[in-house]
Amino acid sequence: NSKPVAAVDPGSSGGNGVEKLADNRYAVDHSVIDNAMGDIASLAAQLHASPHKGADGQIDGFRLSGIRSNTLFSQLGIKNGDIIHSVNGAPLTSSEGAMAAYGSLKNQKSFSFEITRRNERQTIEYEVR
């Protein structure tokens, strides 16, 4: 009567280099970050990001869609419809800002995404091992 354990269950890594530690907390192998940094085109093909405007009409982040299961973003706990507002506190208010934030992840020991999911603001934290 055993059922398969999904890669996102707490404590399991599924061999993908990402381990869910708790709600909105993950451990990520350094190799996963290195691979993602080395292939931006492949990473970009895993999702669609469209600018999201806040109540003031200004861009306050990027809404993500087209995220398929078993891609890096789904393993990192990102879901379709999430709006990413900042990476490590750096606001994502332009494509340039998003690329700068992405580039800043290279040698970090930890990073975080501030997101809105179903109208609720939350932070997802990652520790790089």
Protein backbone atom coordinates (compact mmCIF):
# COMPACT_ATOMS: atom_id res chain seq x y z
CA ASN A 1 0.00 0.00 0.00
CA SER A 2 2.91 2.32 -0.64
CA LYS A 3 2.50 5.22 -2.99
CA PRO A 4 5.34 7.05 -4.76
CA VAL A 5 6.91 9.98 -2.98
CA ALA A 6 6.96 13.19 -5.01
CA ALA A 7 10.21 15.12 -5.31
CA VAL A 8 8.62 18.03 -3.45
CA ASP A 9 7.85 16.10 -0.27
CA PRO A 10 9.78 17.43 2.75
CA GLY A 11 13.07 15.67 3.21
CA SER A 12 13.23 14.11 -0.24
CA SER A 13 15.55 15.33 -2.94
CA GLY A 14 14.46 13.06 -5.75
CA GLY A 15 18.04 13.21 -7.04
CA ASN A 16 17.40 16.58 -8.69
CA GLY A 17 19.63 18.71 -6.48
CA VAL A 18 16.72 20.51 -4.80
CA GLU A 19 15.39 19.45 -1.40
CA LYS A 20 12.29 20.89 0.24
CA LEU A 21 13.12 21.56 3.90
CA ALA A 22 9.80 23.15 4.93
CA ASP A 23 7.09 25.34 3.45
CA ASN A 24 8.88 28.02 1.42
CA ARG A 25 12.36 26.74 2.41
CA TYR A 26 14.58 24.72 0.09
CA ALA A 27 18.17 23.50 -0.09
CA VAL A 28 19.75 23.70 -3.54
CA ASP A 29 22.97 21.99 -4.67
CA HIS A 30 25.54 24.47 -5.94
CA SER A 31 25.76 22.43 -9.17
CA VAL A 32 22.09 23.22 -9.91
CA ILE A 33 22.85 26.96 -9.78
CA ASP A 34 26.00 26.52 -11.88
CA ASN A 35 24.09 24.55 -14.53
CA ALA A 36 21.31 27.15 -14.63
CA MET A 37 23.85 29.97 -14.98
CA GLY A 38 25.57 28.13 -17.80
CA ASP A 39 22.44 27.70 -19.91
CA ILE A 40 20.24 30.79 -19.72
CA ALA A 41 18.46 29.91 -22.99
CA SER A 42 17.34 26.54 -21.64
CA LEU A 43 16.25 28.14 -18.38
CA ALA A 44 14.28 30.85 -20.19
CA ALA A 45 12.50 28.20 -22.26
CA GLN A 46 11.09 26.64 -19.05
CA LEU A 47 8.61 29.46 -18.44
CA HIS A 48 6.98 32.63 -19.67
CA ALA A 49 7.44 35.83 -17.66
CA SER A 50 5.26 38.85 -18.29
CA PRO A 51 5.57 42.22 -16.52
CA HIS A 52 3.02 42.72 -13.74
CA LYS A 53 1.76 46.18 -12.87
CA GLY A 54 0.86 47.13 -9.31
CA ALA A 55 -2.02 49.34 -8.21
CA ASP A 56 0.02 52.44 -9.13
CA GLY A 57 0.39 51.26 -12.75
CA GLN A 58 4.14 50.69 -12.38
CA ILE A 59 5.84 47.32 -13.00
CA ASP A 60 6.27 45.63 -9.62
CA GLY A 61 7.40 42.18 -10.75
CA PHE A 62 6.90 39.43 -13.31
CA ARG A 63 4.00 36.97 -13.48
CA LEU A 64 5.20 33.47 -14.37
CA SER A 65 3.31 30.96 -16.48
CA GLY A 66 4.00 27.92 -18.62
CA ILE A 67 5.97 26.22 -15.84
CA ARG A 68 5.98 22.48 -16.46
CA SER A 69 6.53 19.87 -13.77
CA ASN A 70 10.06 18.54 -13.38
CA THR A 71 11.63 21.81 -14.51
CA LEU A 72 13.96 23.74 -12.22
CA PHE A 73 11.31 26.34 -11.42
CA SER A 74 8.73 23.75 -10.31
CA GLN A 75 11.40 22.02 -8.20
CA LEU A 76 12.13 25.40 -6.57
CA GLY A 77 8.48 25.65 -5.55
CA ILE A 78 7.50 28.27 -8.14
CA LYS A 79 3.98 27.84 -9.48
CA ASN A 80 2.09 29.11 -12.52
CA GLY A 81 0.58 32.49 -11.73
CA ASP A 82 3.19 33.45 -9.12
CA ILE A 83 4.38 37.03 -9.35
CA ILE A 84 8.06 37.40 -8.45
CA HIS A 85 8.64 40.87 -7.01
CA SER A 86 12.26 40.65 -5.89
CA VAL A 87 15.32 38.42 -5.71
CA ASN A 88 17.44 38.91 -2.57
CA GLY A 89 15.57 42.14 -1.97
CA ALA A 90 16.44 43.57 -5.41
CA PRO A 91 13.17 44.67 -7.03
CA LEU A 92 12.24 43.22 -10.41
CA THR A 93 10.82 46.32 -12.08
CA SER A 94 12.40 45.84 -15.53
CA SER A 95 13.91 43.14 -17.75
CA GLU A 96 17.35 44.60 -16.98
CA GLY A 97 16.65 44.36 -13.25
CA ALA A 98 15.54 40.76 -13.65
CA MET A 99 18.74 39.86 -15.53
CA ALA A 100 20.88 41.65 -12.92
CA ALA A 101 19.11 39.77 -10.12
CA TYR A 102 19.60 36.49 -11.97
CA GLY A 103 23.30 37.23 -12.40
CA SER A 104 23.65 38.05 -8.70
CA LEU A 105 22.81 34.46 -7.74
CA LYS A 106 26.08 33.05 -9.05
CA ASN A 107 28.16 32.94 -5.85
CA GLN A 108 25.48 33.28 -3.20
CA LYS A 109 25.23 30.91 -0.22
CA SER A 110 21.52 31.68 0.00
CA PHE A 111 18.89 33.59 -1.91
CA SER A 112 15.21 34.43 -1.66
CA PHE A 113 12.29 35.29 -3.91
CA GLU A 114 9.55 37.61 -2.74
CA ILE A 115 6.38 36.52 -4.50
CA THR A 116 2.63 36.98 -4.54
CA ARG A 117 0.63 33.76 -4.81
CA ARG A 118 -3.17 33.92 -4.83
CA ASN A 119 -3.06 37.53 -3.59
CA GLU A 120 -0.80 36.61 -0.65
CA ARG A 121 2.71 38.08 -0.40
CA GLN A 122 5.32 35.56 0.77
CA THR A 123 9.03 34.84 0.68
CA ILE A 124 10.62 31.62 -0.55
CA GLU A 125 14.11 31.03 0.88
CA TYR A 126 16.87 28.87 -0.55
CA GLU A 127 20.14 27.75 0.95
CA VAL A 128 22.88 26.75 -1.47
CA ARG A 129 24.96 23.74 -0.43
